[in-house]
Amino acid sequence: MKTKILVLAMALLFSLNIKAQGMPVYDNTNFISLIKQLLESGKQTANIIKTVKFLKTAKENIEKVNDVVRQLNAVREIGRNNQRLIDMMQDDLRDILDSPYIKPEEVARVSESFSAIVENSLDTMDFIDEILSSDYLKMSDAERAEILKQKEFESKEMVSNVKAKTKRYKDIISFRKMQDKINNRETEY
């Protein structure tokens, strides 16, 4: 590289039609200064290229970490939603099934309805375990995070579905309780 620059500089100097009186004078201090500047700019360019590569690698690593964090947040939220389902089903389902206002033929339907939601929740957890523990069709972290976000949304829907069913059954129980009070009240005529 140095020789190319030197040859280029010499060709430039010799191509100029310079005339002086007497003996031609060549000032090589300016030429040496120019070569030093070119070498220094070459070093700076190499350092800039290294910095760009480092920043590109850092950006890719940050994106990977961001995807992993999104995955973890989605898994945590799915776990919370499943815990809410379990809590609601332990308390509310027991109250509904123990109510004297639920007919025996309805007990099976109520149990099946809630069991289907629990099965779906368990299937979701198995699917999440499969996604996180294997390469699952060689997905990227971003694609995996997107699937987990979708499953998180589905688990939120399950929670709201259980809330709606619980409210509906409690409304039925309160209606039947009120109806029983009205039908069995004492009349004073």
N, C-alpha and C. Protein backbone atom coordinates (compact mmCIF):
# COMPACT_ATOMS: atom_id res chain seq x y z
N MET A 1 0.84 -1.18 0.00
CA MET A 1 0.00 0.00 0.00
C MET A 1 0.88 1.25 0.00
N LYS A 2 1.94 1.20 0.79
CA LYS A 2 2.85 2.35 0.86
C LYS A 2 3.50 2.61 -0.50
N THR A 3 3.86 1.53 -1.18
CA THR A 3 4.53 1.70 -2.48
C THR A 3 3.56 2.28 -3.51
N LYS A 4 2.31 1.88 -3.45
CA LYS A 4 1.33 2.42 -4.40
C LYS A 4 1.15 3.92 -4.18
N ILE A 5 1.07 4.30 -2.92
CA ILE A 5 0.90 5.72 -2.61
C ILE A 5 2.14 6.50 -3.05
N LEU A 6 3.31 5.93 -2.80
CA LEU A 6 4.56 6.58 -3.17
C LEU A 6 4.65 6.74 -4.70
N VAL A 7 4.32 5.71 -5.43
CA VAL A 7 4.36 5.76 -6.89
C VAL A 7 3.35 6.78 -7.40
N LEU A 8 2.18 6.81 -6.81
CA LEU A 8 1.14 7.75 -7.21
C LEU A 8 1.58 9.19 -6.96
N ALA A 9 2.18 9.42 -5.82
CA ALA A 9 2.64 10.77 -5.49
C ALA A 9 3.77 11.20 -6.43
N MET A 10 4.68 10.28 -6.72
CA MET A 10 5.80 10.62 -7.61
C MET A 10 5.30 10.89 -9.03
N ALA A 11 4.36 10.09 -9.49
CA ALA A 11 3.82 10.30 -10.83
C ALA A 11 3.13 11.65 -10.90
N LEU A 12 2.46 12.03 -9.82
CA LEU A 12 1.78 13.31 -9.77
C LEU A 12 2.79 14.46 -9.83
N LEU A 13 3.85 14.31 -9.09
CA LEU A 13 4.87 15.36 -9.07
C LEU A 13 5.60 15.48 -10.40
N PHE A 14 5.92 14.35 -11.02
CA PHE A 14 6.68 14.39 -12.27
C PHE A 14 5.81 14.80 -13.46
N SER A 15 4.51 14.63 -13.34
CA SER A 15 3.65 15.00 -14.46
C SER A 15 3.42 16.50 -14.53
N LEU A 16 3.64 17.18 -13.45
CA LEU A 16 3.48 18.63 -13.47
C LEU A 16 4.63 19.27 -14.26
N ASN A 17 4.32 20.24 -14.98
CA ASN A 17 5.33 20.93 -15.79
C ASN A 17 5.88 22.10 -14.96
N ILE A 18 6.85 21.79 -14.11
CA ILE A 18 7.39 22.79 -13.20
C ILE A 18 8.77 23.21 -13.72
N LYS A 19 8.97 24.49 -13.72
CA LYS A 19 10.26 25.01 -14.18
C LYS A 19 10.82 25.92 -13.10
N ALA A 20 12.05 25.74 -12.86
CA ALA A 20 12.73 26.59 -11.87
C ALA A 20 14.10 26.98 -12.44
N GLN A 21 14.65 28.01 -11.92
CA GLN A 21 15.97 28.43 -12.37
C GLN A 21 17.02 27.60 -11.67
N GLY A 22 17.91 27.19 -12.35
CA GLY A 22 19.02 26.47 -11.76
C GLY A 22 18.65 25.03 -11.50
N MET A 23 19.21 24.54 -10.51
CA MET A 23 19.08 23.13 -10.14
C MET A 23 17.67 22.86 -9.59
N PRO A 24 16.93 21.81 -10.06
CA PRO A 24 15.60 21.52 -9.52
C PRO A 24 15.71 21.09 -8.05
N VAL A 25 14.74 21.57 -7.28
CA VAL A 25 14.74 21.29 -5.85
C VAL A 25 13.50 20.44 -5.54
N TYR A 26 13.71 19.41 -4.78
CA TYR A 26 12.62 18.51 -4.38
C TYR A 26 12.51 18.58 -2.87
N ASP A 27 11.32 18.99 -2.38
CA ASP A 27 11.08 19.09 -0.93
C ASP A 27 10.32 17.86 -0.50
N ASN A 28 11.00 16.91 0.11
CA ASN A 28 10.34 15.66 0.47
C ASN A 28 9.66 15.72 1.84
N THR A 29 9.77 16.79 2.59
CA THR A 29 9.08 16.88 3.89
C THR A 29 7.58 16.95 3.70
N ASN A 30 7.13 17.70 2.69
CA ASN A 30 5.68 17.74 2.42
C ASN A 30 5.18 16.38 1.94
N PHE A 31 5.99 15.73 1.13
CA PHE A 31 5.62 14.41 0.63
C PHE A 31 5.52 13.41 1.78
N ILE A 32 6.47 13.43 2.68
CA ILE A 32 6.46 12.52 3.85
C ILE A 32 5.26 12.84 4.74
N SER A 33 4.96 14.11 4.91
CA SER A 33 3.80 14.52 5.71
C SER A 33 2.51 14.01 5.07
N LEU A 34 2.39 14.09 3.77
CA LEU A 34 1.21 13.60 3.05
C LEU A 34 1.06 12.09 3.24
N ILE A 35 2.17 11.36 3.12
CA ILE A 35 2.12 9.90 3.28
C ILE A 35 1.71 9.55 4.71
N LYS A 36 2.23 10.28 5.69
CA LYS A 36 1.86 10.03 7.08
C LYS A 36 0.37 10.27 7.30
N GLN A 37 -0.15 11.31 6.70
CA GLN A 37 -1.58 11.60 6.82
C GLN A 37 -2.42 10.50 6.17
N LEU A 38 -1.98 10.04 5.03
CA LEU A 38 -2.71 8.95 4.36
C LEU A 38 -2.69 7.67 5.18
N LEU A 39 -1.54 7.36 5.77
CA LEU A 39 -1.44 6.17 6.63
C LEU A 39 -2.34 6.31 7.86
N GLU A 40 -2.34 7.49 8.45
CA GLU A 40 -3.17 7.73 9.64
C GLU A 40 -4.65 7.62 9.30
N SER A 41 -5.06 8.17 8.15
CA SER A 41 -6.47 8.06 7.76
C SER A 41 -6.83 6.61 7.45
N GLY A 42 -5.88 5.83 6.94
CA GLY A 42 -6.12 4.40 6.71
C GLY A 42 -6.35 3.66 8.02
N LYS A 43 -5.57 4.01 9.05
CA LYS A 43 -5.75 3.39 10.37
C LYS A 43 -7.10 3.78 10.96
N GLN A 44 -7.46 5.05 10.80
CA GLN A 44 -8.75 5.50 11.33
C GLN A 44 -9.91 4.80 10.62
N THR A 45 -9.78 4.61 9.33
CA THR A 45 -10.82 3.91 8.56
C THR A 45 -10.94 2.46 9.04
N ALA A 46 -9.80 1.81 9.28
CA ALA A 46 -9.82 0.43 9.77
C ALA A 46 -10.48 0.37 11.14
N ASN A 47 -10.19 1.36 12.01
CA ASN A 47 -10.82 1.40 13.34
C ASN A 47 -12.32 1.64 13.24
N ILE A 48 -12.73 2.49 12.31
CA ILE A 48 -14.16 2.75 12.11
C ILE A 48 -14.86 1.49 11.63
N ILE A 49 -14.23 0.75 10.74
CA ILE A 49 -14.82 -0.51 10.25
C ILE A 49 -14.96 -1.51 11.38
N LYS A 50 -13.94 -1.59 12.24
CA LYS A 50 -14.02 -2.49 13.40
C LYS A 50 -15.15 -2.05 14.32
N THR A 51 -15.30 -0.75 14.54
CA THR A 51 -16.36 -0.23 15.40
C THR A 51 -17.73 -0.54 14.83
N VAL A 52 -17.89 -0.40 13.52
CA VAL A 52 -19.17 -0.70 12.87
C VAL A 52 -19.51 -2.18 13.04
N LYS A 53 -18.53 -3.05 12.85
CA LYS A 53 -18.77 -4.49 13.04
C LYS A 53 -19.16 -4.80 14.47
N PHE A 54 -18.46 -4.16 15.42
CA PHE A 54 -18.77 -4.37 16.84
C PHE A 54 -20.18 -3.90 17.16
N LEU A 55 -20.57 -2.72 16.65
CA LEU A 55 -21.91 -2.20 16.91
C LEU A 55 -22.98 -3.07 16.27
N LYS A 56 -22.69 -3.60 15.10
CA LYS A 56 -23.65 -4.49 14.43
C LYS A 56 -23.85 -5.77 15.25
N THR A 57 -22.75 -6.32 15.75
CA THR A 57 -22.84 -7.52 16.60
C THR A 57 -23.59 -7.20 17.89
N ALA A 58 -23.30 -6.03 18.47
CA ALA A 58 -23.99 -5.63 19.70
C ALA A 58 -25.49 -5.47 19.46
N LYS A 59 -25.85 -4.90 18.32
CA LYS A 59 -27.27 -4.73 17.98
C LYS A 59 -27.96 -6.08 17.86
N GLU A 60 -27.32 -7.03 17.18
CA GLU A 60 -27.90 -8.37 17.03
C GLU A 60 -28.07 -9.03 18.40
N ASN A 61 -27.07 -8.88 19.27
CA ASN A 61 -27.17 -9.47 20.61
C ASN A 61 -28.29 -8.83 21.42
N ILE A 62 -28.45 -7.52 21.30
CA ILE A 62 -29.53 -6.83 22.01
C ILE A 62 -30.88 -7.31 21.50
N GLU A 63 -31.01 -7.50 20.19
CA GLU A 63 -32.26 -8.00 19.63
C GLU A 63 -32.56 -9.41 20.14
N LYS A 64 -31.52 -10.26 20.24
CA LYS A 64 -31.72 -11.61 20.77
C LYS A 64 -32.18 -11.56 22.22
N VAL A 65 -31.53 -10.71 23.01
CA VAL A 65 -31.91 -10.59 24.42
C VAL A 65 -33.32 -10.04 24.53
N ASN A 66 -33.67 -9.09 23.68
CA ASN A 66 -35.01 -8.53 23.69
C ASN A 66 -36.05 -9.61 23.38
N ASP A 67 -35.76 -10.46 22.41
CA ASP A 67 -36.68 -11.55 22.07
C ASP A 67 -36.81 -12.53 23.24
N VAL A 68 -35.70 -12.83 23.89
CA VAL A 68 -35.75 -13.75 25.04
C VAL A 68 -36.56 -13.13 26.18
N VAL A 69 -36.39 -11.84 26.41
CA VAL A 69 -37.15 -11.16 27.46
C VAL A 69 -38.63 -11.19 27.14
N ARG A 70 -38.98 -10.97 25.87
CA ARG A 70 -40.40 -11.05 25.48
C ARG A 70 -40.94 -12.46 25.70
N GLN A 71 -40.11 -13.46 25.38
CA GLN A 71 -40.55 -14.84 25.61
C GLN A 71 -40.79 -15.09 27.10
N LEU A 72 -39.86 -14.64 27.92
CA LEU A 72 -40.00 -14.85 29.36
C LEU A 72 -41.22 -14.13 29.91
N ASN A 73 -41.45 -12.91 29.46
CA ASN A 73 -42.63 -12.17 29.91
C ASN A 73 -43.92 -12.87 29.49
N ALA A 74 -43.94 -13.38 28.28
CA ALA A 74 -45.13 -14.09 27.81
C ALA A 74 -45.36 -15.36 28.62
N VAL A 75 -44.29 -16.10 28.88
CA VAL A 75 -44.42 -17.34 29.67
C VAL A 75 -44.88 -17.01 31.10
N ARG A 76 -44.31 -15.94 31.68
CA ARG A 76 -44.72 -15.54 33.03
C ARG A 76 -46.20 -15.17 33.07
N GLU A 77 -46.65 -14.41 32.06
CA GLU A 77 -48.05 -14.01 32.02
C GLU A 77 -48.97 -15.21 31.81
N ILE A 78 -48.55 -16.17 31.01
CA ILE A 78 -49.34 -17.38 30.81
C ILE A 78 -49.43 -18.15 32.13
N GLY A 79 -48.31 -18.23 32.86
CA GLY A 79 -48.32 -18.89 34.16
C GLY A 79 -49.25 -18.20 35.14
N ARG A 80 -49.23 -16.88 35.14
CA ARG A 80 -50.15 -16.12 36.02
C ARG A 80 -51.60 -16.38 35.66
N ASN A 81 -51.89 -16.38 34.35
CA ASN A 81 -53.26 -16.63 33.91
C ASN A 81 -53.71 -18.04 34.31
N ASN A 82 -52.81 -19.01 34.18
CA ASN A 82 -53.17 -20.37 34.60
C ASN A 82 -53.41 -20.43 36.10
N GLN A 83 -52.61 -19.70 36.88
CA GLN A 83 -52.83 -19.66 38.33
C GLN A 83 -54.18 -19.02 38.65
N ARG A 84 -54.53 -17.96 37.91
CA ARG A 84 -55.86 -17.35 38.11
C ARG A 84 -56.96 -18.35 37.80
N LEU A 85 -56.78 -19.12 36.72
CA LEU A 85 -57.77 -20.15 36.38
C LEU A 85 -57.93 -21.15 37.51
N ILE A 86 -56.81 -21.61 38.03
CA ILE A 86 -56.86 -22.60 39.12
C ILE A 86 -57.55 -22.01 40.34
N ASP A 87 -57.18 -20.78 40.70
CA ASP A 87 -57.79 -20.14 41.87
C ASP A 87 -59.29 -19.97 41.69
N MET A 88 -59.70 -19.49 40.52
CA MET A 88 -61.13 -19.29 40.26
C MET A 88 -61.87 -20.62 40.30
N MET A 89 -61.26 -21.63 39.73
CA MET A 89 -61.95 -22.91 39.65
C MET A 89 -62.04 -23.56 41.02
N GLN A 90 -61.02 -23.39 41.86
CA GLN A 90 -61.08 -23.98 43.19
C GLN A 90 -62.18 -23.34 44.02
N ASP A 91 -62.26 -22.03 43.99
CA ASP A 91 -63.24 -21.32 44.82
C ASP A 91 -64.62 -21.31 44.19
N ASP A 92 -64.70 -20.78 42.99
CA ASP A 92 -66.00 -20.55 42.37
C ASP A 92 -66.68 -21.85 41.95
N LEU A 93 -65.93 -22.78 41.40
CA LEU A 93 -66.55 -24.03 40.95
C LEU A 93 -67.11 -24.82 42.13
N ARG A 94 -66.37 -24.82 43.23
CA ARG A 94 -66.87 -25.51 44.43
C ARG A 94 -68.17 -24.87 44.90
N ASP A 95 -68.22 -23.53 44.93
CA ASP A 95 -69.45 -22.84 45.35
C ASP A 95 -70.61 -23.16 44.41
N ILE A 96 -70.33 -23.19 43.13
CA ILE A 96 -71.39 -23.47 42.16
C ILE A 96 -71.90 -24.89 42.31
N LEU A 97 -70.98 -25.85 42.40
CA LEU A 97 -71.40 -27.25 42.47
C LEU A 97 -72.05 -27.59 43.80
N ASP A 98 -71.66 -26.90 44.87
CA ASP A 98 -72.26 -27.16 46.18
C ASP A 98 -73.59 -26.46 46.38
N SER A 99 -73.97 -25.61 45.48
CA SER A 99 -75.21 -24.87 45.63
C SER A 99 -76.42 -25.81 45.47
N PRO A 100 -77.40 -25.65 46.34
CA PRO A 100 -78.61 -26.48 46.20
C PRO A 100 -79.46 -26.05 45.00
N TYR A 101 -79.13 -24.95 44.40
CA TYR A 101 -79.92 -24.44 43.28
C TYR A 101 -79.39 -24.90 41.92
N ILE A 102 -78.34 -25.68 41.92
CA ILE A 102 -77.86 -26.30 40.68
C ILE A 102 -78.45 -27.70 40.63
N LYS A 103 -79.09 -28.00 39.52
CA LYS A 103 -79.76 -29.28 39.37
C LYS A 103 -78.73 -30.37 39.10
N PRO A 104 -79.02 -31.61 39.48
CA PRO A 104 -78.05 -32.70 39.29
C PRO A 104 -77.62 -32.88 37.83
N GLU A 105 -78.52 -32.70 36.89
CA GLU A 105 -78.13 -32.86 35.49
C GLU A 105 -77.24 -31.71 35.00
N GLU A 106 -77.27 -30.59 35.70
CA GLU A 106 -76.42 -29.46 35.33
C GLU A 106 -75.00 -29.61 35.86
N VAL A 107 -74.85 -30.40 36.92
CA VAL A 107 -73.52 -30.57 37.53
C VAL A 107 -72.53 -31.13 36.50
N ALA A 108 -72.97 -32.11 35.74
CA ALA A 108 -72.09 -32.71 34.74
C ALA A 108 -71.70 -31.69 33.66
N ARG A 109 -72.67 -30.91 33.22
CA ARG A 109 -72.39 -29.89 32.19
C ARG A 109 -71.42 -28.84 32.71
N VAL A 110 -71.62 -28.40 33.95
CA VAL A 110 -70.74 -27.38 34.54
C VAL A 110 -69.33 -27.96 34.67
N SER A 111 -69.24 -29.17 35.15
CA SER A 111 -67.93 -29.80 35.32
C SER A 111 -67.22 -29.98 33.99
N GLU A 112 -67.95 -30.43 32.98
CA GLU A 112 -67.35 -30.61 31.65
C GLU A 112 -66.88 -29.28 31.06
N SER A 113 -67.68 -28.25 31.26
CA SER A 113 -67.33 -26.93 30.74
C SER A 113 -66.02 -26.44 31.33
N PHE A 114 -65.90 -26.54 32.64
CA PHE A 114 -64.68 -26.09 33.29
C PHE A 114 -63.51 -27.04 33.02
N SER A 115 -63.78 -28.31 32.89
CA SER A 115 -62.72 -29.29 32.60
C SER A 115 -62.10 -29.04 31.22
N ALA A 116 -62.93 -28.66 30.26
CA ALA A 116 -62.43 -28.36 28.92
C ALA A 116 -61.46 -27.17 28.97
N ILE A 117 -61.77 -26.19 29.78
CA ILE A 117 -60.88 -25.03 29.89
C ILE A 117 -59.57 -25.43 30.55
N VAL A 118 -59.63 -26.26 31.57
CA VAL A 118 -58.40 -26.72 32.24
C VAL A 118 -57.56 -27.56 31.28
N GLU A 119 -58.20 -28.43 30.51
CA GLU A 119 -57.47 -29.23 29.52
C GLU A 119 -56.76 -28.34 28.50
N ASN A 120 -57.47 -27.32 28.04
CA ASN A 120 -56.87 -26.39 27.09
C ASN A 120 -55.68 -25.67 27.72
N SER A 121 -55.82 -25.30 28.97
CA SER A 121 -54.72 -24.64 29.69
C SER A 121 -53.52 -25.56 29.82
N LEU A 122 -53.74 -26.82 30.14
CA LEU A 122 -52.64 -27.78 30.26
C LEU A 122 -51.99 -28.05 28.90
N ASP A 123 -52.80 -28.12 27.85
CA ASP A 123 -52.25 -28.30 26.51
C ASP A 123 -51.37 -27.11 26.12
N THR A 124 -51.80 -25.92 26.50
CA THR A 124 -51.01 -24.72 26.22
C THR A 124 -49.67 -24.78 26.93
N MET A 125 -49.67 -25.22 28.19
CA MET A 125 -48.41 -25.32 28.93
C MET A 125 -47.49 -26.37 28.31
N ASP A 126 -48.04 -27.49 27.86
CA ASP A 126 -47.23 -28.51 27.17
C ASP A 126 -46.64 -27.95 25.88
N PHE A 127 -47.45 -27.22 25.14
CA PHE A 127 -46.99 -26.62 23.88
C PHE A 127 -45.86 -25.62 24.15
N ILE A 128 -46.01 -24.82 25.18
CA ILE A 128 -44.97 -23.85 25.54
C ILE A 128 -43.69 -24.57 25.92
N ASP A 129 -43.81 -25.64 26.68
CA ASP A 129 -42.64 -26.42 27.06
C ASP A 129 -41.94 -26.96 25.81
N GLU A 130 -42.72 -27.43 24.85
CA GLU A 130 -42.16 -27.95 23.61
C GLU A 130 -41.46 -26.85 22.81
N ILE A 131 -42.06 -25.68 22.75
CA ILE A 131 -41.46 -24.56 22.01
C ILE A 131 -40.15 -24.13 22.64
N LEU A 132 -40.12 -24.04 23.96
CA LEU A 132 -38.93 -23.53 24.64
C LEU A 132 -37.82 -24.57 24.76
N SER A 133 -38.18 -25.84 24.81
CA SER A 133 -37.15 -26.86 25.04
C SER A 133 -36.54 -27.41 23.75
N SER A 134 -37.19 -27.25 22.63
CA SER A 134 -36.64 -27.74 21.38
C SER A 134 -36.53 -26.59 20.39
N ASP A 135 -35.95 -26.87 19.26
CA ASP A 135 -35.82 -25.83 18.24
C ASP A 135 -37.14 -25.58 17.53
N TYR A 136 -38.10 -26.45 17.71
CA TYR A 136 -39.45 -26.34 17.15
C TYR A 136 -39.42 -25.80 15.72
N LEU A 137 -39.04 -26.67 14.85
CA LEU A 137 -38.99 -26.38 13.42
C LEU A 137 -38.02 -25.24 13.11
N LYS A 138 -36.94 -25.16 13.88
CA LYS A 138 -35.87 -24.18 13.64
C LYS A 138 -36.40 -22.75 13.57
N MET A 139 -37.19 -22.39 14.56
CA MET A 139 -37.75 -21.03 14.61
C MET A 139 -36.70 -20.05 15.11
N SER A 140 -36.87 -18.80 14.70
CA SER A 140 -36.05 -17.75 15.27
C SER A 140 -36.67 -17.33 16.60
N ASP A 141 -35.90 -16.61 17.39
CA ASP A 141 -36.41 -16.16 18.68
C ASP A 141 -37.62 -15.24 18.50
N ALA A 142 -37.61 -14.42 17.48
CA ALA A 142 -38.73 -13.51 17.23
C ALA A 142 -40.00 -14.29 16.90
N GLU A 143 -39.88 -15.33 16.09
CA GLU A 143 -41.05 -16.15 15.75
C GLU A 143 -41.56 -16.89 16.98
N ARG A 144 -40.64 -17.40 17.78
CA ARG A 144 -41.02 -18.09 19.02
C ARG A 144 -41.73 -17.11 19.96
N ALA A 145 -41.21 -15.90 20.07
CA ALA A 145 -41.83 -14.89 20.94
C ALA A 145 -43.23 -14.54 20.43
N GLU A 146 -43.41 -14.50 19.13
CA GLU A 146 -44.73 -14.20 18.56
C GLU A 146 -45.74 -15.30 18.91
N ILE A 147 -45.32 -16.55 18.81
CA ILE A 147 -46.21 -17.66 19.16
C ILE A 147 -46.56 -17.60 20.65
N LEU A 148 -45.57 -17.30 21.48
CA LEU A 148 -45.82 -17.20 22.92
C LEU A 148 -46.78 -16.05 23.23
N LYS A 149 -46.65 -14.94 22.52
CA LYS A 149 -47.58 -13.82 22.72
C LYS A 149 -49.00 -14.24 22.34
N GLN A 150 -49.11 -15.02 21.28
CA GLN A 150 -50.43 -15.51 20.86
C GLN A 150 -51.01 -16.42 21.94
N LYS A 151 -50.17 -17.30 22.49
CA LYS A 151 -50.63 -18.19 23.55
C LYS A 151 -51.00 -17.40 24.81
N GLU A 152 -50.26 -16.32 25.07
CA GLU A 152 -50.58 -15.46 26.21
C GLU A 152 -51.97 -14.85 26.02
N PHE A 153 -52.25 -14.39 24.80
CA PHE A 153 -53.56 -13.82 24.50
C PHE A 153 -54.65 -14.88 24.68
N GLU A 154 -54.38 -16.11 24.22
CA GLU A 154 -55.36 -17.19 24.38
C GLU A 154 -55.60 -17.49 25.86
N SER A 155 -54.54 -17.44 26.67
CA SER A 155 -54.73 -17.72 28.11
C SER A 155 -55.54 -16.61 28.77
N LYS A 156 -55.37 -15.36 28.31
CA LYS A 156 -56.20 -14.27 28.84
C LYS A 156 -57.65 -14.48 28.45
N GLU A 157 -57.86 -14.97 27.23
CA GLU A 157 -59.23 -15.27 26.80
C GLU A 157 -59.85 -16.38 27.66
N MET A 158 -59.03 -17.38 28.02
CA MET A 158 -59.54 -18.46 28.88
C MET A 158 -59.95 -17.90 30.24
N VAL A 159 -59.14 -17.01 30.79
CA VAL A 159 -59.47 -16.41 32.09
C VAL A 159 -60.78 -15.65 32.00
N SER A 160 -60.93 -14.85 30.96
CA SER A 160 -62.18 -14.09 30.82
C SER A 160 -63.36 -15.02 30.54
N ASN A 161 -63.11 -16.11 29.83
CA ASN A 161 -64.16 -17.09 29.57
C ASN A 161 -64.62 -17.75 30.88
N VAL A 162 -63.66 -18.10 31.74
CA VAL A 162 -64.01 -18.70 33.03
C VAL A 162 -64.76 -17.69 33.89
N LYS A 163 -64.33 -16.43 33.86
CA LYS A 163 -65.03 -15.39 34.62
C LYS A 163 -66.47 -15.26 34.14
N ALA A 164 -66.65 -15.26 32.82
CA ALA A 164 -68.00 -15.13 32.26
C ALA A 164 -68.87 -16.32 32.64
N LYS A 165 -68.31 -17.52 32.54
CA LYS A 165 -69.10 -18.71 32.90
C LYS A 165 -69.43 -18.71 34.38
N THR A 166 -68.45 -18.35 35.20
CA THR A 166 -68.68 -18.30 36.64
C THR A 166 -69.78 -17.29 36.97
N LYS A 167 -69.71 -16.13 36.35
CA LYS A 167 -70.73 -15.10 36.59
C LYS A 167 -72.10 -15.60 36.13
N ARG A 168 -72.13 -16.26 34.99
CA ARG A 168 -73.40 -16.77 34.49
C ARG A 168 -74.01 -17.79 35.46
N TYR A 169 -73.18 -18.72 35.94
CA TYR A 169 -73.70 -19.72 36.87
C TYR A 169 -74.10 -19.09 38.20
N LYS A 170 -73.35 -18.11 38.66
CA LYS A 170 -73.73 -17.43 39.91
C LYS A 170 -75.03 -16.65 39.73
N ASP A 171 -75.20 -16.06 38.55
CA ASP A 171 -76.46 -15.37 38.26
C ASP A 171 -77.63 -16.35 38.25
N ILE A 172 -77.41 -17.52 37.67
CA ILE A 172 -78.46 -18.56 37.66
C ILE A 172 -78.81 -18.96 39.09
N ILE A 173 -77.76 -19.16 39.89
CA ILE A 173 -77.99 -19.56 41.29
C ILE A 173 -78.74 -18.46 42.04
N SER A 174 -78.34 -17.21 41.88
CA SER A 174 -79.03 -16.13 42.60
C SER A 174 -80.47 -15.98 42.11
N PHE A 175 -80.70 -16.18 40.80
CA PHE A 175 -82.05 -16.11 40.28
C PHE A 175 -82.92 -17.23 40.86
N ARG A 176 -82.37 -18.43 40.89
CA ARG A 176 -83.13 -19.56 41.44
C ARG A 176 -83.37 -19.39 42.94
N LYS A 177 -82.41 -18.83 43.62
CA LYS A 177 -82.56 -18.58 45.05
C LYS A 177 -83.69 -17.57 45.28
N MET A 178 -83.69 -16.49 44.51
CA MET A 178 -84.75 -15.48 44.61
C MET A 178 -86.09 -16.09 44.24
N GLN A 179 -86.10 -16.91 43.20
CA GLN A 179 -87.33 -17.56 42.77
C GLN A 179 -87.85 -18.49 43.86
N ASP A 180 -86.96 -19.19 44.54
CA ASP A 180 -87.34 -20.08 45.64
C ASP A 180 -87.94 -19.29 46.80
N LYS A 181 -87.34 -18.15 47.11
CA LYS A 181 -87.87 -17.31 48.19
C LYS A 181 -89.26 -16.80 47.85
N ILE A 182 -89.43 -16.40 46.60
CA ILE A 182 -90.74 -15.89 46.18
C ILE A 182 -91.77 -17.01 46.20
N ASN A 183 -91.42 -18.16 45.72
CA ASN A 183 -92.38 -19.28 45.66
C ASN A 183 -92.70 -19.84 47.04
N ASN A 184 -91.81 -19.74 47.96
CA ASN A 184 -92.03 -20.35 49.30
C ASN A 184 -92.29 -19.32 50.38
N ARG A 185 -92.65 -18.13 50.03
CA ARG A 185 -92.93 -17.13 51.06
C ARG A 185 -94.28 -17.39 51.70
N GLU A 186 -94.35 -16.92 52.89
CA GLU A 186 -95.61 -17.09 53.60
C GLU A 186 -96.53 -15.92 53.28
N THR A 187 -97.73 -16.24 53.03
CA THR A 187 -98.70 -15.18 52.72
C THR A 187 -99.63 -15.02 53.90
N GLU A 188 -99.93 -13.80 54.20
CA GLU A 188 -100.86 -13.51 55.32
C GLU A 188 -102.08 -12.81 54.75
N TYR A 189 -103.13 -13.56 54.55
CA TYR A 189 -104.38 -12.99 54.02
C TYR A 189 -105.41 -12.97 55.08
